[in-house]
Amino acid sequence: MIAAVATRPESWAMHQVFLIPGFFGFSSLGRLKYFNGVGDIIGAEFERRGIPARVVEIDTLPTASIRRRAASLLEFVNRMSDKSSGPIHLVGHSTGGLDARLLVCPNADLQSHEKQALIQRVESVVTVACPHFGTPLANTFGGALGRPALKLGALALFCLLTYGRLPLGVALQLVRLVTKLDDLVGLRRTVADEVFEKLLSELGDQEQRQLLGFLDGVSNDQSLLFQLTEAGCDLLNATTGKPERLRYGCVLTCGARASLRTAWSHSLDVYAQSLHALYGTLHWRASRADPSWFGMVPAATLSAIERDLGRRAQLSDNDGIVPTLSQLWGDYLGAVQADHLDVVGHFGYSEEGTGADWLPSGSGFGQRDFEQLWRRVAVYLAESTEMGATAPRMDVPMEAPRPENEVRGAVLSGKVTDTRV
């Protein structure tokens, strides 16, 4: 491996790996990072191979359109790379993968003169748990009830990241909110307003400013919601096409279904119980994907997924946010049994909050799985440079979905079964 690098002097230039967050678009809030421990593993693998590298975690726009997020990403990457000529690698979790795909699309108009020169330096893109073919949750949160719920979800997320759990007063208000969901769509003062005011009273001045800035982005631009629907992603896929030179890799996630056994393991912890119930609801909704939007999957890739998961893939499989088969795009790097947030380092429920589990799914994803996953990603990034300009390997053809009558109620490539009820 090292010998291959030595034959290409430019590969010794500083590599830059940009970690792109998904929905809500932050690199850190409170005292927790979005990518918790990911950069250390990637950096260590590059160092082991003797390749100088810098791993950078970025912020982007919370719920703005993919085009605006990609433009923000382009501006950030260009600013961080203006004094370097080394290769660039993009790693996107969830929606961050779509941002990266649009950024490297030659014909995408991001209103920047620096784009073409910059994307020539991008050697690889890796997506993790990315909704390439959309997610049913986008339809849910795009409705009249979903938009206020999205804002409240951002509030709860801020508290969980800052404190590891919700302040008791806010938790009680959220319970009250559940009993008055009809108020969310009314024109008068709503329970959501009361929850918001209660939360602000629980925070200090600095935290209030940080929260208000975060929520301002969520409230003012929610274009991303439509674009993450199956129809929205279908349009994106039609315009981005297949890369000619750089390598795409994808990692798939498949979370466990919510169960009484997992709920019982949380004992009397009301916070963990509530989060598990939330996960169960999200998982059920994400399992309702319309298979007619999915691309065709080669039998060899389906066999590899079966090997990694220990069973055949099902159309209802998802990680609590994104259908598993919606995550296929480019080279298949593997599938892990994990929920949507386990893979960015938030697994193992912790009362203290450090490394806390946002979605306590009971998927069994642990530290060893986490390290193996991101070492695999790092190897793929490093080998993209060592391969030079060779043609990219495409384990998953980026093709249009099949007609609905060929997919619905049938099987994908003879192996993927529709088990939805």
Protein backbone atom coordinates (compact mmCIF):
# COMPACT_ATOMS: atom_id res chain seq x y z
CA MET A 1 0.00 0.00 0.00
CA ILE A 2 2.71 2.46 0.99
CA ALA A 3 4.69 1.67 -2.16
CA ALA A 4 1.67 2.57 -4.26
CA VAL A 5 1.48 5.91 -2.51
CA ALA A 6 5.17 6.59 -2.97
CA THR A 7 4.83 6.36 -6.76
CA ARG A 8 2.45 9.34 -6.68
CA PRO A 9 4.20 12.28 -4.95
CA GLU A 10 1.04 14.38 -4.82
CA SER A 11 -0.56 11.78 -2.56
CA TRP A 12 1.87 12.84 0.17
CA ALA A 13 0.20 16.24 0.31
CA MET A 14 -2.10 16.79 3.23
CA HIS A 15 -5.35 14.92 2.74
CA GLN A 16 -8.48 16.54 4.08
CA VAL A 17 -11.44 14.47 5.21
CA PHE A 18 -14.62 16.47 5.78
CA LEU A 19 -17.30 14.98 8.02
CA ILE A 20 -20.71 16.29 6.94
CA PRO A 21 -23.62 16.10 9.41
CA GLY A 22 -27.15 15.15 8.50
CA PHE A 23 -30.49 16.65 9.44
CA PHE A 24 -30.13 19.68 11.76
CA GLY A 25 -26.64 20.20 10.32
CA PHE A 26 -24.51 20.91 13.42
CA SER A 27 -21.02 19.70 14.27
CA SER A 28 -21.59 20.24 17.99
CA LEU A 29 -24.25 21.48 20.37
CA GLY A 30 -23.76 21.81 24.08
CA ARG A 31 -20.96 19.47 25.11
CA LEU A 32 -21.43 16.69 22.56
CA LYS A 33 -20.18 16.37 19.01
CA TYR A 34 -22.28 15.10 16.14
CA PHE A 35 -19.47 12.76 15.03
CA ASN A 36 -18.48 11.42 18.43
CA GLY A 37 -15.04 9.82 18.06
CA VAL A 38 -15.25 9.29 14.29
CA GLY A 39 -12.44 11.68 13.38
CA ASP A 40 -9.97 9.98 15.72
CA ILE A 41 -10.46 6.60 14.06
CA ILE A 42 -10.16 7.94 10.52
CA GLY A 43 -7.11 10.01 11.40
CA ALA A 44 -5.41 7.03 13.06
CA GLU A 45 -5.90 4.83 9.98
CA PHE A 46 -4.39 7.45 7.65
CA GLU A 47 -1.47 7.84 10.06
CA ARG A 48 -0.96 4.06 10.18
CA ARG A 49 -0.63 4.10 6.40
CA GLY A 50 1.84 6.97 6.48
CA ILE A 51 -0.55 9.37 4.77
CA PRO A 52 -0.76 12.87 6.29
CA ALA A 53 -4.39 13.79 6.84
CA ARG A 54 -6.60 16.29 8.62
CA VAL A 55 -10.16 15.39 9.61
CA VAL A 56 -12.54 18.34 9.82
CA GLU A 57 -16.07 18.33 11.23
CA ILE A 58 -18.26 20.98 9.66
CA ASP A 59 -21.51 22.82 10.29
CA THR A 60 -24.12 23.28 7.62
CA LEU A 61 -27.64 24.68 7.42
CA PRO A 62 -30.10 22.77 9.67
CA THR A 63 -33.12 22.10 7.44
CA ALA A 64 -32.47 24.20 4.35
CA SER A 65 -32.64 22.76 0.84
CA ILE A 66 -29.97 20.33 -0.30
CA ARG A 67 -28.78 22.92 -2.81
CA ARG A 68 -28.30 25.56 -0.11
CA ARG A 69 -26.64 23.03 2.18
CA ALA A 70 -24.31 21.92 -0.63
CA ALA A 71 -23.45 25.56 -1.38
CA SER A 72 -22.67 26.12 2.30
CA LEU A 73 -20.54 22.98 2.26
CA LEU A 74 -18.70 24.18 -0.84
CA GLU A 75 -17.94 27.53 0.79
CA PHE A 76 -16.64 25.85 3.94
CA VAL A 77 -14.49 23.27 2.12
CA ASN A 78 -13.08 25.94 -0.19
CA ARG A 79 -12.18 28.17 2.76
CA MET A 80 -10.50 25.31 4.62
CA SER A 81 -8.63 24.11 1.52
CA ASP A 82 -7.44 27.36 -0.04
CA LYS A 83 -3.90 26.92 1.35
CA SER A 84 -3.65 23.24 0.48
CA SER A 85 -3.43 21.32 -2.78
CA GLY A 86 -3.96 17.85 -1.34
CA PRO A 87 -6.80 15.41 -2.05
CA ILE A 88 -10.23 15.90 -0.51
CA HIS A 89 -12.56 13.20 0.81
CA LEU A 90 -16.19 13.78 1.77
CA VAL A 91 -17.96 11.62 4.36
CA GLY A 92 -21.65 12.36 4.82
CA HIS A 93 -23.97 10.91 7.42
CA SER A 94 -27.66 10.82 6.53
CA THR A 95 -28.60 13.98 4.58
CA GLY A 96 -24.95 14.98 4.60
CA GLY A 97 -24.39 12.30 1.97
CA LEU A 98 -26.85 14.00 -0.36
CA ASP A 99 -25.10 17.32 0.21
CA ALA A 100 -21.80 15.74 -0.81
CA ARG A 101 -23.31 14.14 -3.91
CA LEU A 102 -24.73 17.45 -5.14
CA LEU A 103 -21.47 19.24 -4.41
CA VAL A 104 -19.43 16.93 -6.64
CA CYS A 105 -22.02 16.89 -9.44
CA PRO A 106 -20.32 18.83 -12.30
CA ASN A 107 -23.54 20.35 -13.61
CA ALA A 108 -25.02 21.44 -10.28
CA ASP A 109 -25.24 25.22 -10.08
CA LEU A 110 -24.09 26.22 -6.60
CA GLN A 111 -23.35 29.79 -7.64
CA SER A 112 -19.64 29.54 -7.04
CA HIS A 113 -16.73 30.20 -9.39
CA GLU A 114 -14.43 28.01 -7.33
CA LYS A 115 -16.49 24.83 -7.60
CA GLN A 116 -14.95 23.21 -10.68
CA ALA A 117 -11.38 23.60 -9.45
CA LEU A 118 -12.30 22.31 -6.02
CA ILE A 119 -14.23 19.22 -7.08
CA GLN A 120 -11.28 18.11 -9.21
CA ARG A 121 -9.51 17.48 -5.91
CA VAL A 122 -12.30 15.34 -4.46
CA GLU A 123 -11.23 11.71 -4.74
CA SER A 124 -13.94 9.90 -2.81
CA VAL A 125 -17.37 10.29 -1.26
CA VAL A 126 -18.67 7.94 1.43
CA THR A 127 -22.26 8.03 2.60
CA VAL A 128 -23.44 6.45 5.85
CA ALA A 129 -27.14 5.80 6.52
CA CYS A 130 -28.01 8.17 3.69
CA PRO A 131 -31.56 8.36 2.24
CA HIS A 132 -30.55 8.15 -1.43
CA PHE A 133 -34.05 7.03 -2.36
CA GLY A 134 -35.85 9.03 0.33
CA THR A 135 -37.55 8.19 3.62
CA PRO A 136 -41.24 8.03 4.57
CA LEU A 137 -40.50 10.17 7.62
CA ALA A 138 -40.07 13.18 5.35
CA ASN A 139 -43.74 12.92 4.40
CA THR A 140 -44.71 12.70 8.06
CA PHE A 141 -42.81 15.78 9.17
CA GLY A 142 -43.74 17.78 6.10
CA GLY A 143 -47.42 17.98 7.10
CA ALA A 144 -49.32 20.41 9.30
CA LEU A 145 -48.63 18.43 12.46
CA GLY A 146 -45.08 17.59 11.49
CA ARG A 147 -43.63 21.07 11.22
CA PRO A 148 -44.39 22.17 14.80
CA ALA A 149 -43.32 18.71 15.96
CA LEU A 150 -40.02 19.22 14.13
CA LYS A 151 -39.37 22.41 16.07
CA LEU A 152 -40.15 20.64 19.34
CA GLY A 153 -37.87 17.82 18.29
CA ALA A 154 -35.08 20.33 17.80
CA LEU A 155 -35.76 21.67 21.30
CA ALA A 156 -35.60 18.21 22.81
CA LEU A 157 -32.44 17.39 20.86
CA PHE A 158 -30.74 20.53 22.12
CA CYS A 159 -31.53 19.58 25.71
CA LEU A 160 -30.40 16.00 25.27
CA LEU A 161 -27.10 17.09 23.76
CA THR A 162 -26.51 19.76 26.36
CA TYR A 163 -27.60 17.92 29.49
CA GLY A 164 -27.93 14.29 28.47
CA ARG A 165 -31.67 14.48 29.28
CA LEU A 166 -34.59 16.88 29.28
CA PRO A 167 -35.10 19.24 32.20
CA LEU A 168 -37.97 17.88 34.25
CA GLY A 169 -40.19 20.89 33.67
CA VAL A 170 -39.83 20.56 29.90
CA ALA A 171 -40.44 16.81 30.02
CA LEU A 172 -43.72 17.35 31.86
CA GLN A 173 -44.78 19.97 29.33
CA LEU A 174 -44.04 17.59 26.47
CA VAL A 175 -46.21 14.93 28.10
CA ARG A 176 -48.99 17.51 28.30
CA LEU A 177 -48.41 18.33 24.65
CA VAL A 178 -49.07 14.74 23.60
CA THR A 179 -52.58 15.02 25.03
CA LYS A 180 -53.28 18.19 23.05
CA LEU A 181 -51.87 17.54 19.59
CA ASP A 182 -54.86 19.29 18.04
CA ASP A 183 -53.56 22.59 19.40
CA LEU A 184 -50.56 22.34 17.11
CA VAL A 185 -52.58 23.26 14.04
CA GLY A 186 -54.65 26.00 15.68
CA LEU A 187 -54.14 29.70 15.10
CA ARG A 188 -54.35 30.63 18.76
CA ARG A 189 -51.63 30.31 21.37
CA THR A 190 -50.56 26.68 21.36
CA VAL A 191 -49.12 24.24 23.85
CA ALA A 192 -46.00 24.24 21.68
CA ASP A 193 -45.52 27.91 22.51
CA GLU A 194 -45.77 27.11 26.22
CA VAL A 195 -43.21 24.31 25.91
CA PHE A 196 -40.84 26.66 24.13
CA GLU A 197 -41.17 29.34 26.80
CA LYS A 198 -40.70 26.77 29.55
CA LEU A 199 -37.50 25.54 27.94
CA LEU A 200 -36.08 29.04 27.61
CA SER A 201 -36.70 29.66 31.29
CA GLU A 202 -34.63 26.55 32.08
CA LEU A 203 -31.57 27.73 30.11
CA GLY A 204 -28.88 30.29 30.80
CA ASP A 205 -28.25 33.35 28.62
CA GLN A 206 -25.50 31.80 26.50
CA GLU A 207 -27.46 28.61 25.97
CA GLN A 208 -30.53 30.62 25.02
CA ARG A 209 -28.57 32.45 22.32
CA GLN A 210 -27.18 29.20 20.94
CA LEU A 211 -30.59 27.55 20.96
CA LEU A 212 -32.35 30.50 19.34
CA GLY A 213 -29.77 30.64 16.57
CA PHE A 214 -30.17 26.92 15.95
CA LEU A 215 -33.96 27.08 15.96
CA ASP A 216 -33.94 30.12 13.71
CA GLY A 217 -32.42 28.01 10.96
CA VAL A 218 -34.91 25.18 11.59
CA SER A 219 -37.96 27.45 11.64
CA ASN A 220 -37.15 29.76 8.73
CA ASP A 221 -36.25 27.19 6.08
CA GLN A 222 -37.65 23.66 6.02
CA SER A 223 -37.18 23.02 2.30
CA LEU A 224 -35.24 19.88 3.13
CA LEU A 225 -38.40 18.09 4.27
CA PHE A 226 -39.85 17.74 0.77
CA GLN A 227 -36.51 16.94 -0.78
CA LEU A 228 -36.08 13.92 1.50
CA THR A 229 -39.34 12.39 0.34
CA GLU A 230 -39.08 9.50 -2.09
CA ALA A 231 -40.28 11.75 -4.93
CA GLY A 232 -37.84 14.51 -3.99
CA CYS A 233 -34.85 12.15 -3.93
CA ASP A 234 -35.95 10.65 -7.23
CA LEU A 235 -35.49 14.08 -8.82
CA LEU A 236 -32.08 14.49 -7.19
CA ASN A 237 -30.99 11.07 -8.44
CA ALA A 238 -32.05 11.97 -11.98
CA THR A 239 -29.84 15.06 -11.98
CA THR A 240 -26.69 13.86 -10.20
CA GLY A 241 -25.96 10.78 -12.30
CA LYS A 242 -23.03 8.39 -12.08
CA PRO A 243 -19.52 9.75 -11.35
CA GLU A 244 -16.91 9.46 -14.04
CA ARG A 245 -13.76 9.37 -11.94
CA LEU A 246 -14.23 9.63 -8.17
CA ARG A 247 -15.34 6.73 -6.00
CA TYR A 248 -18.62 6.51 -4.13
CA GLY A 249 -18.96 4.18 -1.17
CA CYS A 250 -21.95 3.50 1.07
CA VAL A 251 -22.52 2.01 4.52
CA LEU A 252 -25.95 0.62 5.40
CA THR A 253 -27.62 0.62 8.81
CA CYS A 254 -30.41 -1.62 10.03
CA GLY A 255 -31.88 -1.06 13.49
CA ALA A 256 -33.77 -3.53 15.64
CA ARG A 257 -37.52 -3.24 15.96
CA ALA A 258 -38.69 -1.75 19.25
CA SER A 259 -39.55 -4.53 21.66
CA LEU A 260 -40.88 -5.08 25.16
CA ARG A 261 -37.61 -6.79 26.02
CA THR A 262 -35.62 -3.67 25.19
CA ALA A 263 -38.12 -1.47 27.00
CA TRP A 264 -37.85 -3.72 30.05
CA SER A 265 -34.06 -3.37 30.02
CA HIS A 266 -34.49 0.35 30.68
CA SER A 267 -36.29 -0.49 33.91
CA LEU A 268 -37.76 2.59 35.61
CA ASP A 269 -35.74 5.17 33.67
CA VAL A 270 -38.54 7.32 32.26
CA TYR A 271 -36.21 9.11 29.88
CA ALA A 272 -34.86 5.94 28.27
CA GLN A 273 -38.36 4.47 28.15
CA SER A 274 -39.69 7.57 26.40
CA LEU A 275 -36.85 7.63 23.88
CA HIS A 276 -37.35 3.94 23.15
CA ALA A 277 -41.05 4.55 22.54
CA LEU A 278 -40.13 7.40 20.19
CA TYR A 279 -37.72 5.14 18.35
CA GLY A 280 -40.42 2.49 17.97
CA THR A 281 -42.78 5.02 16.42
CA LEU A 282 -40.13 6.30 14.01
CA HIS A 283 -39.08 2.77 13.07
CA TRP A 284 -42.66 1.78 12.29
CA ARG A 285 -43.16 4.82 10.07
CA ALA A 286 -39.85 4.32 8.27
CA SER A 287 -40.83 0.73 7.51
CA ARG A 288 -43.65 1.98 5.25
CA ALA A 289 -41.37 2.78 2.31
CA ASP A 290 -42.76 2.39 -1.19
CA PRO A 291 -40.41 -0.10 -2.90
CA SER A 292 -41.26 1.25 -6.35
CA TRP A 293 -38.82 4.11 -5.71
CA PHE A 294 -35.85 1.83 -4.97
CA GLY A 295 -33.16 1.17 -7.54
CA MET A 296 -32.36 -2.33 -8.73
CA VAL A 297 -29.94 -4.17 -6.47
CA PRO A 298 -27.54 -6.81 -7.86
CA ALA A 299 -27.90 -10.29 -6.41
CA ALA A 300 -24.25 -10.26 -5.30
CA THR A 301 -24.85 -7.13 -3.22
CA LEU A 302 -27.97 -8.64 -1.65
CA SER A 303 -25.92 -11.71 -0.73
CA ALA A 304 -23.31 -9.47 0.88
CA ILE A 305 -26.01 -7.70 2.91
CA GLU A 306 -27.34 -11.07 4.04
CA ARG A 307 -23.82 -12.05 5.10
CA ASP A 308 -23.34 -8.86 7.10
CA LEU A 309 -26.76 -8.83 8.78
CA GLY A 310 -27.00 -12.58 9.27
CA ARG A 311 -30.34 -12.75 7.44
CA ARG A 312 -32.02 -11.69 4.24
CA ALA A 313 -32.82 -8.02 3.83
CA GLN A 314 -36.48 -7.02 3.98
CA LEU A 315 -38.21 -4.03 2.47
CA SER A 316 -39.35 -2.98 5.94
CA ASP A 317 -35.78 -2.86 7.31
CA ASN A 318 -34.67 0.59 8.48
CA ASP A 319 -32.58 2.26 11.14
CA GLY A 320 -35.41 4.22 12.73
CA ILE A 321 -35.04 7.05 10.21
CA VAL A 322 -34.05 5.73 6.78
CA PRO A 323 -35.04 2.47 5.02
CA THR A 324 -31.98 0.25 4.74
CA LEU A 325 -32.35 -0.36 1.00
CA SER A 326 -32.67 3.39 0.44
CA GLN A 327 -29.06 3.74 1.58
CA LEU A 328 -27.47 1.89 -1.37
CA TRP A 329 -25.44 4.11 -3.71
CA GLY A 330 -22.11 3.17 -5.27
CA ASP A 331 -19.62 0.72 -3.78
CA TYR A 332 -21.13 -1.40 -1.02
CA LEU A 333 -18.87 -1.08 2.03
CA GLY A 334 -20.99 -3.11 4.43
CA ALA A 335 -24.13 -3.17 6.55
CA VAL A 336 -24.26 -2.95 10.35
CA GLN A 337 -26.98 -3.69 12.84
CA ALA A 338 -27.35 -0.23 14.30
CA ASP A 339 -29.83 2.59 14.48
CA HIS A 340 -29.43 5.85 12.62
CA LEU A 341 -27.38 7.58 15.33
CA ASP A 342 -25.38 4.64 16.68
CA VAL A 343 -23.00 4.87 13.75
CA VAL A 344 -21.89 8.42 14.54
CA GLY A 345 -20.86 7.41 18.05
CA HIS A 346 -24.06 7.84 20.04
CA PHE A 347 -24.75 4.37 21.38
CA GLY A 348 -25.12 3.02 24.89
CA TYR A 349 -27.61 4.99 26.98
CA SER A 350 -25.79 7.12 29.55
CA GLU A 351 -27.36 9.18 32.30
CA GLU A 352 -24.40 11.55 32.26
CA GLY A 353 -25.00 12.33 28.61
CA THR A 354 -21.48 11.78 27.23
CA GLY A 355 -21.88 9.46 24.29
CA ALA A 356 -25.54 9.08 25.23
CA ASP A 357 -27.89 7.08 23.05
CA TRP A 358 -30.36 9.41 21.34
CA LEU A 359 -32.32 6.45 19.99
CA PRO A 360 -32.02 3.55 22.50
CA SER A 361 -33.05 0.92 19.96
CA GLY A 362 -31.41 -2.13 21.51
CA SER A 363 -29.66 -2.92 18.23
CA GLY A 364 -26.55 -4.17 20.04
CA PHE A 365 -24.11 -1.83 18.31
CA GLY A 366 -21.03 -1.35 20.51
CA GLN A 367 -17.56 0.15 20.63
CA ARG A 368 -15.92 -2.68 18.70
CA ASP A 369 -18.52 -2.42 15.91
CA PHE A 370 -18.06 1.35 15.84
CA GLU A 371 -14.29 1.12 15.46
CA GLN A 372 -14.47 -1.58 12.79
CA LEU A 373 -17.00 0.41 10.79
CA TRP A 374 -15.00 3.61 10.66
CA ARG A 375 -11.70 1.84 10.04
CA ARG A 376 -13.38 0.26 7.02
CA VAL A 377 -14.45 3.70 5.82
CA ALA A 378 -10.96 5.11 6.40
CA VAL A 379 -9.37 2.26 4.41
CA TYR A 380 -11.72 2.98 1.52
CA LEU A 381 -10.79 6.67 1.57
CA ALA A 382 -7.07 5.94 1.68
CA GLU A 383 -7.29 3.34 -1.08
CA SER A 384 -9.13 5.81 -3.29
CA THR A 385 -5.89 7.77 -3.46
CA GLU A 386 -3.73 4.70 -3.92
CA MET A 387 -5.88 3.57 -6.85
CA GLY A 388 -5.19 6.84 -8.62
CA ALA A 389 -7.29 7.44 -11.72
CA THR A 390 -8.48 3.86 -12.18
CA ALA A 391 -12.15 3.39 -12.95
CA PRO A 392 -14.40 3.29 -9.88
CA ARG A 393 -15.90 -0.03 -8.83
CA MET A 394 -19.69 0.07 -8.72
CA ASP A 395 -21.22 -2.72 -6.66
CA VAL A 396 -24.61 -0.98 -6.75
CA PRO A 397 -25.69 0.39 -10.14
CA MET A 398 -27.12 3.88 -9.86
CA GLU A 399 -30.16 3.17 -12.00
CA ALA A 400 -33.71 4.41 -12.16
CA PRO A 401 -36.21 2.51 -10.01
CA ARG A 402 -38.22 -0.25 -11.65
CA PRO A 403 -41.84 0.25 -12.66
CA GLU A 404 -44.19 -0.15 -9.73
CA ASN A 405 -45.82 -3.29 -11.11
CA GLU A 406 -42.45 -5.04 -11.09
CA VAL A 407 -41.74 -4.29 -7.45
CA ARG A 408 -44.80 -3.86 -5.26
CA GLY A 409 -45.74 -7.05 -3.44
CA ALA A 410 -42.91 -8.91 -5.14
CA VAL A 411 -39.28 -9.51 -4.28
CA LEU A 412 -36.17 -7.58 -5.22
CA SER A 413 -33.78 -9.74 -7.21
CA GLY A 414 -35.44 -12.82 -5.79
CA LYS A 415 -34.26 -12.26 -2.21
CA VAL A 416 -35.69 -9.15 -0.59
CA THR A 417 -39.11 -9.86 0.81
CA ASP A 418 -41.88 -7.40 1.59
CA THR A 419 -42.93 -8.20 5.15
CA ARG A 420 -44.92 -5.05 5.85
CA VAL A 421 -48.35 -5.44 7.39
